[in-house]
Amino acid sequence: LTAALRTQITNDIRNGAGPSGGGGGEAIPHGIHVWIKRFTKLKPLAFQSAATPVEVEDWITHMEKLF
């Protein structure tokens, strides 16, 4: 997991984030396994290596779009 995703999940768990009481929006999952399952369904590109900084930026942009 990326550091940002791990931090977000940790904060949500610590804050006791649960399903929202109303108004649009999806309920926040209760367990880490739900977060991981949803994240993997997005089929994020795995970062292995990059020959140029542009390739790294492209990967970062892809990951940011998932959030």
N, C-alpha and C. Protein backbone atom coordinates (compact mmCIF):
# COMPACT_ATOMS: atom_id res chain seq x y z
N LEU A 1 0.83 -1.19 0.00
CA LEU A 1 0.00 0.00 0.00
C LEU A 1 0.87 1.25 0.00
N THR A 2 0.34 2.29 -0.58
CA THR A 2 1.09 3.54 -0.56
C THR A 2 1.00 4.15 0.83
N ALA A 3 1.95 4.99 1.15
CA ALA A 3 1.98 5.62 2.47
C ALA A 3 0.72 6.44 2.71
N ALA A 4 0.25 7.15 1.70
CA ALA A 4 -0.95 7.98 1.85
C ALA A 4 -2.18 7.13 2.14
N LEU A 5 -2.32 6.02 1.43
CA LEU A 5 -3.47 5.15 1.65
C LEU A 5 -3.40 4.53 3.03
N ARG A 6 -2.22 4.08 3.42
CA ARG A 6 -2.04 3.48 4.74
C ARG A 6 -2.39 4.48 5.83
N THR A 7 -1.95 5.73 5.67
CA THR A 7 -2.25 6.78 6.65
C THR A 7 -3.75 7.05 6.71
N GLN A 8 -4.39 7.13 5.55
CA GLN A 8 -5.83 7.38 5.51
C GLN A 8 -6.61 6.27 6.21
N ILE A 9 -6.25 5.04 5.92
CA ILE A 9 -6.93 3.90 6.53
C ILE A 9 -6.72 3.91 8.04
N THR A 10 -5.48 4.13 8.46
CA THR A 10 -5.18 4.16 9.90
C THR A 10 -5.97 5.25 10.60
N ASN A 11 -6.03 6.44 10.02
CA ASN A 11 -6.79 7.54 10.62
C ASN A 11 -8.27 7.22 10.70
N ASP A 12 -8.82 6.63 9.65
CA ASP A 12 -10.24 6.27 9.66
C ASP A 12 -10.54 5.25 10.74
N ILE A 13 -9.66 4.28 10.90
CA ILE A 13 -9.86 3.26 11.93
C ILE A 13 -9.77 3.89 13.32
N ARG A 14 -8.77 4.73 13.54
CA ARG A 14 -8.60 5.38 14.84
C ARG A 14 -9.78 6.29 15.19
N ASN A 15 -10.35 6.93 14.18
CA ASN A 15 -11.46 7.85 14.40
C ASN A 15 -12.80 7.13 14.47
N GLY A 16 -12.78 5.82 14.33
CA GLY A 16 -14.03 5.06 14.40
C GLY A 16 -14.96 5.35 13.25
N ALA A 17 -14.40 5.64 12.09
CA ALA A 17 -15.23 5.94 10.93
C ALA A 17 -16.09 4.74 10.59
N GLY A 18 -17.37 5.00 10.43
CA GLY A 18 -18.30 3.94 10.08
C GLY A 18 -19.22 4.44 9.01
N PRO A 19 -20.29 3.71 8.75
CA PRO A 19 -21.23 4.14 7.71
C PRO A 19 -21.79 5.52 8.00
N SER A 20 -21.95 6.32 6.96
CA SER A 20 -22.52 7.65 7.14
C SER A 20 -24.01 7.54 7.42
N GLY A 21 -24.52 8.49 8.17
CA GLY A 21 -25.91 8.43 8.59
C GLY A 21 -26.90 8.85 7.53
N GLY A 22 -26.48 9.44 6.48
CA GLY A 22 -27.43 9.87 5.46
C GLY A 22 -26.76 10.70 4.41
N GLY A 23 -27.55 11.28 3.56
CA GLY A 23 -27.01 12.10 2.49
C GLY A 23 -26.06 11.31 1.62
N GLY A 24 -26.05 11.46 0.37
CA GLY A 24 -25.26 10.67 -0.56
C GLY A 24 -23.90 10.24 -0.05
N GLY A 25 -23.26 9.48 -0.78
CA GLY A 25 -21.95 9.02 -0.36
C GLY A 25 -22.00 7.58 0.08
N GLU A 26 -20.90 6.95 -0.11
CA GLU A 26 -20.79 5.55 0.22
C GLU A 26 -20.36 5.39 1.67
N ALA A 27 -20.80 4.32 2.30
CA ALA A 27 -20.40 4.04 3.67
C ALA A 27 -18.90 3.71 3.69
N ILE A 28 -18.25 4.12 4.76
CA ILE A 28 -16.83 3.83 4.91
C ILE A 28 -16.69 2.39 5.41
N PRO A 29 -15.83 1.60 4.78
CA PRO A 29 -15.69 0.21 5.20
C PRO A 29 -15.14 0.09 6.61
N HIS A 30 -15.52 -0.98 7.30
CA HIS A 30 -15.13 -1.16 8.69
C HIS A 30 -13.76 -1.78 8.86
N GLY A 31 -13.35 -2.64 7.97
CA GLY A 31 -12.09 -3.36 8.17
C GLY A 31 -11.08 -3.12 7.07
N ILE A 32 -9.84 -3.34 7.44
CA ILE A 32 -8.75 -3.15 6.48
C ILE A 32 -8.92 -4.06 5.28
N HIS A 33 -9.45 -5.25 5.50
CA HIS A 33 -9.62 -6.19 4.38
C HIS A 33 -10.56 -5.63 3.32
N VAL A 34 -11.54 -4.84 3.73
CA VAL A 34 -12.47 -4.22 2.78
C VAL A 34 -11.74 -3.16 1.97
N TRP A 35 -10.91 -2.37 2.64
CA TRP A 35 -10.13 -1.34 1.94
C TRP A 35 -9.21 -1.98 0.91
N ILE A 36 -8.52 -3.03 1.31
CA ILE A 36 -7.59 -3.68 0.40
C ILE A 36 -8.32 -4.29 -0.78
N LYS A 37 -9.46 -4.91 -0.53
CA LYS A 37 -10.25 -5.51 -1.60
C LYS A 37 -10.69 -4.44 -2.61
N ARG A 38 -11.18 -3.31 -2.11
CA ARG A 38 -11.61 -2.23 -3.00
C ARG A 38 -10.44 -1.65 -3.78
N PHE A 39 -9.30 -1.51 -3.12
CA PHE A 39 -8.12 -0.96 -3.77
C PHE A 39 -7.64 -1.88 -4.89
N THR A 40 -7.60 -3.17 -4.63
CA THR A 40 -7.12 -4.10 -5.66
C THR A 40 -8.09 -4.21 -6.83
N LYS A 41 -9.38 -3.96 -6.60
CA LYS A 41 -10.35 -3.96 -7.70
C LYS A 41 -10.07 -2.83 -8.69
N LEU A 42 -9.40 -1.79 -8.23
CA LEU A 42 -9.05 -0.67 -9.10
C LEU A 42 -7.88 -1.01 -10.03
N LYS A 43 -7.27 -2.14 -9.78
CA LYS A 43 -6.13 -2.63 -10.58
C LYS A 43 -5.03 -1.57 -10.74
N PRO A 44 -4.46 -1.14 -9.60
CA PRO A 44 -3.40 -0.14 -9.68
C PRO A 44 -2.16 -0.71 -10.38
N LEU A 45 -1.47 0.14 -11.10
CA LEU A 45 -0.23 -0.28 -11.75
C LEU A 45 0.85 -0.47 -10.69
N ALA A 46 1.55 -1.57 -10.76
CA ALA A 46 2.64 -1.82 -9.81
C ALA A 46 3.88 -1.04 -10.27
N PHE A 47 4.54 -0.42 -9.32
CA PHE A 47 5.78 0.30 -9.65
C PHE A 47 6.94 -0.64 -9.43
N GLN A 48 7.72 -0.85 -10.48
CA GLN A 48 8.87 -1.74 -10.37
C GLN A 48 10.16 -0.96 -10.57
N SER A 49 10.21 -0.19 -11.62
CA SER A 49 11.37 0.66 -11.87
C SER A 49 10.99 1.67 -12.95
N ALA A 50 11.84 2.65 -13.10
CA ALA A 50 11.59 3.66 -14.13
C ALA A 50 12.93 4.13 -14.68
N ALA A 51 12.97 4.27 -15.98
CA ALA A 51 14.20 4.73 -16.64
C ALA A 51 14.32 6.25 -16.61
N THR A 52 13.16 6.92 -16.51
CA THR A 52 13.18 8.38 -16.52
C THR A 52 12.24 8.93 -15.45
N PRO A 53 12.47 10.16 -15.01
CA PRO A 53 11.56 10.79 -14.05
C PRO A 53 10.14 10.91 -14.59
N VAL A 54 9.99 11.03 -15.90
CA VAL A 54 8.66 11.14 -16.50
C VAL A 54 7.85 9.87 -16.24
N GLU A 55 8.48 8.72 -16.32
CA GLU A 55 7.79 7.46 -16.04
C GLU A 55 7.31 7.41 -14.59
N VAL A 56 8.13 7.92 -13.69
CA VAL A 56 7.75 7.97 -12.28
C VAL A 56 6.55 8.90 -12.10
N GLU A 57 6.60 10.07 -12.71
CA GLU A 57 5.49 11.03 -12.63
C GLU A 57 4.21 10.43 -13.19
N ASP A 58 4.31 9.70 -14.28
CA ASP A 58 3.13 9.05 -14.87
C ASP A 58 2.52 8.05 -13.90
N TRP A 59 3.37 7.28 -13.22
CA TRP A 59 2.88 6.29 -12.25
C TRP A 59 2.21 7.00 -11.07
N ILE A 60 2.84 8.05 -10.58
CA ILE A 60 2.26 8.81 -9.46
C ILE A 60 0.91 9.39 -9.87
N THR A 61 0.82 9.94 -11.06
CA THR A 61 -0.45 10.49 -11.55
C THR A 61 -1.52 9.41 -11.60
N HIS A 62 -1.16 8.23 -12.08
CA HIS A 62 -2.10 7.11 -12.13
C HIS A 62 -2.61 6.78 -10.72
N MET A 63 -1.70 6.70 -9.76
CA MET A 63 -2.08 6.35 -8.39
C MET A 63 -2.96 7.44 -7.78
N GLU A 64 -2.65 8.70 -8.05
CA GLU A 64 -3.45 9.80 -7.51
C GLU A 64 -4.87 9.77 -8.06
N LYS A 65 -5.03 9.37 -9.30
CA LYS A 65 -6.36 9.29 -9.90
C LYS A 65 -7.23 8.24 -9.21
N LEU A 66 -6.60 7.23 -8.64
CA LEU A 66 -7.35 6.19 -7.93
C LEU A 66 -7.97 6.72 -6.64
N PHE A 67 -7.40 7.80 -6.10
CA PHE A 67 -7.90 8.35 -4.86
C PHE A 67 -8.77 9.53 -5.16
